[in-house]
């Protein structure tokens, strides 16, 4: 019991900076949610159940386009499919005796940042560490979205329009550092821009929604890049003989 309590407290501690960052980003996302017609309660629940900026932005884009639910489900699946891979990787860090219930709950709460701090733990991962991080980070994300919607209802339209650009800035901030340090990533980013521009100029694809075009391009470009430039994992650490403890990072 004490071990689980300590792991939970450590998760809360490590999740505080994540929650603060989430709040700022989700506030800008809330502005987009407001433009899609969501109220604060709907925005809060959306972020609580789909805690991924790219996935939620795709969701709100589909809502604004009045696209069918099946398209929304497909777009969100493609946008968030990386979390399935993260969950599979993280499941290897649990003690073999960890129940499926714990594995599913941890998988539900996976985000890029929570995955980062979890995979960096030394030894077998205690699911209560993830629960602690989720307990502080996910409400921060959801509250930020709700307050962003509230601000969108109060602030002048010109300011709302300016704040909505912040989300694009976040995506650029994610892409540029990786593209500068890895030529392959940089090449894939450039190819994505060119392919997106080329597809927008094809008249035969005008009947297809923008979100569907982006999803298909994502699958095709990511698949080709993975086939041509497979990532090599040199980490190879042993989790069987170490206790859950501090960070490897």
Protein backbone atom coordinates (compact mmCIF):
# COMPACT_ATOMS: atom_id res chain seq x y z
CA UNK A 1 0.00 0.00 0.00
CA UNK A 2 2.78 2.43 0.92
CA UNK A 3 4.55 1.58 -2.33
CA UNK A 4 1.44 2.48 -4.33
CA UNK A 5 0.94 5.67 -2.31
CA UNK A 6 4.53 6.77 -2.90
CA UNK A 7 4.25 6.02 -6.61
CA UNK A 8 1.04 8.06 -6.81
CA UNK A 9 2.64 11.02 -5.02
CA UNK A 10 5.65 10.85 -7.34
CA UNK A 11 3.29 10.85 -10.31
CA UNK A 12 1.47 13.92 -9.03
CA UNK A 13 4.79 15.70 -8.46
CA UNK A 14 6.05 14.93 -11.96
CA UNK A 15 2.67 15.77 -13.46
CA UNK A 16 2.47 19.32 -12.07
CA UNK A 17 4.69 20.92 -14.76
CA UNK A 18 2.81 18.94 -17.41
CA UNK A 19 -0.52 20.24 -16.07
CA UNK A 20 0.71 23.83 -16.22
CA UNK A 21 1.84 23.41 -19.81
CA UNK A 22 -1.39 21.65 -20.73
CA UNK A 23 -3.47 24.48 -19.29
CA UNK A 24 -1.79 27.08 -21.52
CA UNK A 25 -2.07 24.98 -24.69
CA UNK A 26 -5.63 23.83 -23.96
CA UNK A 27 -6.70 27.45 -23.45
CA UNK A 28 -5.88 28.12 -27.11
CA UNK A 29 -7.61 24.88 -28.05
CA UNK A 30 -10.69 26.12 -26.21
CA UNK A 31 -10.80 29.12 -28.54
CA UNK A 32 -11.02 26.71 -31.48
CA UNK A 33 -13.67 24.66 -29.64
CA UNK A 34 -15.72 27.82 -29.17
CA UNK A 35 -15.56 28.50 -32.92
CA UNK A 36 -16.84 24.93 -33.43
CA UNK A 37 -19.87 25.75 -31.28
CA UNK A 38 -19.02 23.86 -28.08
CA UNK A 39 -20.00 25.19 -24.66
CA UNK A 40 -17.60 24.99 -21.65
CA UNK A 41 -19.08 21.74 -20.33
CA UNK A 42 -18.83 20.06 -23.73
CA UNK A 43 -15.27 21.32 -24.14
CA UNK A 44 -14.30 20.05 -20.68
CA UNK A 45 -15.70 16.58 -21.41
CA UNK A 46 -14.12 16.52 -24.87
CA UNK A 47 -10.68 17.19 -23.42
CA UNK A 48 -11.22 14.78 -20.53
CA UNK A 49 -12.10 11.94 -22.89
CA UNK A 50 -9.86 12.83 -25.84
CA UNK A 51 -6.77 14.35 -24.25
CA UNK A 52 -4.71 15.01 -27.36
CA UNK A 53 -4.28 18.44 -28.92
CA UNK A 54 -3.97 17.16 -32.49
CA UNK A 55 -6.87 14.74 -32.04
CA UNK A 56 -9.11 17.39 -30.53
CA UNK A 57 -8.19 19.96 -33.15
CA UNK A 58 -9.08 17.40 -35.81
CA UNK A 59 -12.33 16.72 -33.96
CA UNK A 60 -13.29 20.40 -33.84
CA UNK A 61 -12.35 20.84 -37.50
CA UNK A 62 -14.68 18.01 -38.48
CA UNK A 63 -17.45 19.51 -36.33
CA UNK A 64 -17.05 22.89 -38.06
CA UNK A 65 -17.23 21.16 -41.44
CA UNK A 66 -20.50 19.41 -40.45
CA UNK A 67 -18.93 16.11 -41.48
CA UNK A 68 -20.53 12.75 -40.52
CA UNK A 69 -19.62 10.90 -37.32
CA UNK A 70 -17.89 8.11 -39.23
CA UNK A 71 -15.47 10.64 -40.70
CA UNK A 72 -14.85 12.13 -37.26
CA UNK A 73 -14.10 8.66 -35.86
CA UNK A 74 -11.69 7.90 -38.70
CA UNK A 75 -9.87 11.23 -38.44
CA UNK A 76 -9.44 10.95 -34.66
CA UNK A 77 -8.29 7.32 -34.98
CA UNK A 78 -5.58 8.25 -37.48
CA UNK A 79 -4.52 11.33 -35.51
CA UNK A 80 -4.31 9.49 -32.18
CA UNK A 81 -3.09 6.10 -33.38
CA UNK A 82 0.38 6.84 -31.99
CA UNK A 83 -1.04 6.38 -28.50
CA UNK A 84 -1.76 2.74 -29.30
CA UNK A 85 1.94 2.26 -30.05
CA UNK A 86 2.90 4.15 -26.87
CA UNK A 87 0.55 1.98 -24.82
CA UNK A 88 2.05 -1.18 -26.29
CA UNK A 89 5.56 0.04 -25.45
CA UNK A 90 4.55 1.06 -21.93
CA UNK A 91 2.82 -2.26 -21.26
CA UNK A 92 6.23 -3.95 -21.48
CA UNK A 93 7.39 -1.92 -18.48
CA UNK A 94 4.76 -3.31 -16.10
CA UNK A 95 5.31 -6.19 -13.74
CA UNK A 96 3.97 -9.36 -15.45
CA UNK A 97 1.40 -9.69 -12.66
CA UNK A 98 -0.19 -6.30 -13.38
CA UNK A 99 -3.91 -6.78 -14.09
CA UNK A 100 -5.52 -5.91 -17.41
CA UNK A 101 -7.70 -3.35 -15.62
CA UNK A 102 -4.60 -1.36 -14.64
CA UNK A 103 -3.20 -1.68 -18.15
CA UNK A 104 -6.41 -0.38 -19.75
CA UNK A 105 -6.67 2.54 -17.32
CA UNK A 106 -3.06 3.55 -17.89
CA UNK A 107 -3.57 3.22 -21.65
CA UNK A 108 -6.57 5.53 -21.46
CA UNK A 109 -4.49 8.23 -19.78
CA UNK A 110 -1.51 8.09 -22.13
CA UNK A 111 -0.37 11.41 -23.59
CA UNK A 112 2.98 12.28 -25.15
CA UNK A 113 4.24 13.89 -21.94
CA UNK A 114 2.89 11.27 -19.53
CA UNK A 115 4.41 8.58 -21.72
CA UNK A 116 7.73 10.43 -21.59
CA UNK A 117 7.91 10.59 -17.80
CA UNK A 118 6.59 7.03 -17.43
CA UNK A 119 8.97 5.34 -19.86
CA UNK A 120 11.81 7.14 -18.10
CA UNK A 121 11.16 5.47 -14.74
CA UNK A 122 13.76 3.00 -13.50
CA UNK A 123 12.60 -0.57 -13.18
CA UNK A 124 9.12 -2.06 -13.40
CA UNK A 125 6.48 0.65 -13.73
CA UNK A 126 3.88 1.00 -10.99
CA UNK A 127 0.50 1.96 -12.56
CA UNK A 128 -0.20 4.22 -9.57
CA UNK A 129 2.59 6.48 -10.80
CA UNK A 130 0.58 7.03 -13.99
CA UNK A 131 -2.59 7.56 -11.97
CA UNK A 132 -0.87 10.33 -10.05
CA UNK A 133 0.30 12.06 -13.22
CA UNK A 134 -3.13 11.64 -14.81
CA UNK A 135 -4.88 12.98 -11.70
CA UNK A 136 -3.18 16.38 -12.07
CA UNK A 137 -2.41 16.63 -15.79
CA UNK A 138 -5.73 15.62 -17.35
CA UNK A 139 -7.91 18.00 -15.28
CA UNK A 140 -5.44 20.79 -16.15
CA UNK A 141 -5.92 20.04 -19.83
CA UNK A 142 -9.72 19.85 -19.54
CA UNK A 143 -10.01 22.99 -17.42
CA UNK A 144 -7.85 24.92 -19.88
CA UNK A 145 -10.17 24.00 -22.74
CA UNK A 146 -13.28 25.00 -20.77
CA UNK A 147 -11.80 28.36 -19.75
CA UNK A 148 -10.66 28.97 -23.33
CA UNK A 149 -14.28 28.58 -24.44
CA UNK A 150 -15.42 30.96 -21.71
CA UNK A 151 -12.82 33.50 -22.82
CA UNK A 152 -13.93 33.05 -26.40
CA UNK A 153 -17.45 34.04 -25.38
CA UNK A 154 -16.22 37.18 -23.58
CA UNK A 155 -13.30 38.52 -25.61
CA UNK A 156 -13.73 40.56 -28.82
CA UNK A 157 -13.73 38.61 -32.08
CA UNK A 158 -10.38 40.10 -33.16
CA UNK A 159 -8.63 38.84 -30.02
CA UNK A 160 -10.28 35.42 -30.31
CA UNK A 161 -9.03 35.14 -33.88
CA UNK A 162 -5.50 36.10 -32.79
CA UNK A 163 -5.48 33.59 -29.91
CA UNK A 164 -6.64 30.77 -32.18
CA UNK A 165 -3.32 31.10 -34.05
CA UNK A 166 -1.45 30.02 -30.89
CA UNK A 167 -2.33 26.39 -31.53
CA UNK A 168 -0.60 26.50 -34.91
CA UNK A 169 2.41 27.97 -33.12
CA UNK A 170 2.47 24.96 -30.80
CA UNK A 171 2.52 22.54 -33.74
CA UNK A 172 5.36 24.51 -35.37
CA UNK A 173 7.28 24.45 -32.07
CA UNK A 174 6.96 20.65 -32.07
CA UNK A 175 8.03 20.19 -35.69
CA UNK A 176 10.96 22.61 -36.07
CA UNK A 177 13.35 21.26 -33.38
CA UNK A 178 12.95 17.68 -34.61
CA UNK A 179 13.35 18.74 -38.24
CA UNK A 180 16.54 20.65 -37.44
CA UNK A 181 18.20 17.75 -35.63
CA UNK A 182 17.08 14.93 -37.92
CA UNK A 183 17.39 15.26 -41.70
CA UNK A 184 14.90 12.45 -42.26
CA UNK A 185 12.26 14.18 -40.14
CA UNK A 186 12.99 17.44 -41.93
CA UNK A 187 12.58 15.74 -45.30
CA UNK A 188 9.30 14.14 -44.24
CA UNK A 189 8.00 17.52 -43.01
CA UNK A 190 8.87 19.19 -46.34
CA UNK A 191 7.34 16.28 -48.27
CA UNK A 192 4.17 16.62 -46.17
CA UNK A 193 3.86 20.33 -46.97
CA UNK A 194 4.41 19.71 -50.69
CA UNK A 195 1.99 16.78 -50.80
CA UNK A 196 -0.67 18.75 -48.94
CA UNK A 197 -0.30 21.63 -51.40
CA UNK A 198 -0.42 19.28 -54.40
CA UNK A 199 -3.55 17.50 -53.14
CA UNK A 200 -5.31 20.85 -52.61
CA UNK A 201 -4.84 21.58 -56.32
CA UNK A 202 -6.38 18.34 -57.60
CA UNK A 203 -9.98 19.09 -58.71
CA UNK A 204 -11.03 15.42 -58.44
CA UNK A 205 -10.47 15.56 -54.68
CA UNK A 206 -12.58 18.67 -54.05
CA UNK A 207 -15.50 16.56 -52.82
CA UNK A 208 -13.31 15.08 -50.09
CA UNK A 209 -13.16 17.07 -46.83
CA UNK A 210 -9.88 18.67 -45.72
CA UNK A 211 -9.74 16.50 -42.60
CA UNK A 212 -10.06 13.32 -44.67
CA UNK A 213 -7.34 14.50 -47.05
CA UNK A 214 -5.00 15.20 -44.14
CA UNK A 215 -5.73 11.81 -42.56
CA UNK A 216 -5.04 9.91 -45.77
CA UNK A 217 -1.85 11.88 -46.38
CA UNK A 218 -0.74 11.15 -42.82
CA UNK A 219 -1.21 7.41 -43.29
CA UNK A 220 0.52 7.34 -46.68
CA UNK A 221 3.48 9.59 -45.81
CA UNK A 222 4.05 8.00 -42.40
CA UNK A 223 3.86 4.51 -43.92
CA UNK A 224 6.32 5.32 -46.69
CA UNK A 225 8.72 7.03 -44.24
CA UNK A 226 8.56 4.08 -41.82
CA UNK A 227 9.25 1.61 -44.64
CA UNK A 228 12.16 3.59 -46.11
CA UNK A 229 13.70 4.85 -42.86
CA UNK A 230 12.88 2.42 -40.02
CA UNK A 231 13.74 3.68 -36.55
CA UNK A 232 16.39 1.72 -34.65
CA UNK A 233 15.86 1.28 -30.91
CA UNK A 234 19.17 1.07 -29.10
CA UNK A 235 17.75 1.47 -25.59
CA UNK A 236 17.37 -2.16 -24.58
CA UNK A 237 17.17 -1.79 -20.81
CA UNK A 238 16.27 -4.62 -18.46
CA UNK A 239 13.23 -4.10 -16.24
CA UNK A 240 13.14 -7.49 -14.55
CA UNK A 241 15.78 -6.93 -11.89
CA UNK A 242 15.16 -3.31 -10.88
CA UNK A 243 12.59 -1.83 -8.54
CA UNK A 244 10.28 1.05 -9.45
CA UNK A 245 12.14 4.21 -8.56
CA UNK A 246 13.58 7.38 -10.01
CA UNK A 247 13.88 8.65 -13.50
CA UNK A 248 16.23 7.45 -16.21
CA UNK A 249 16.16 10.86 -17.89
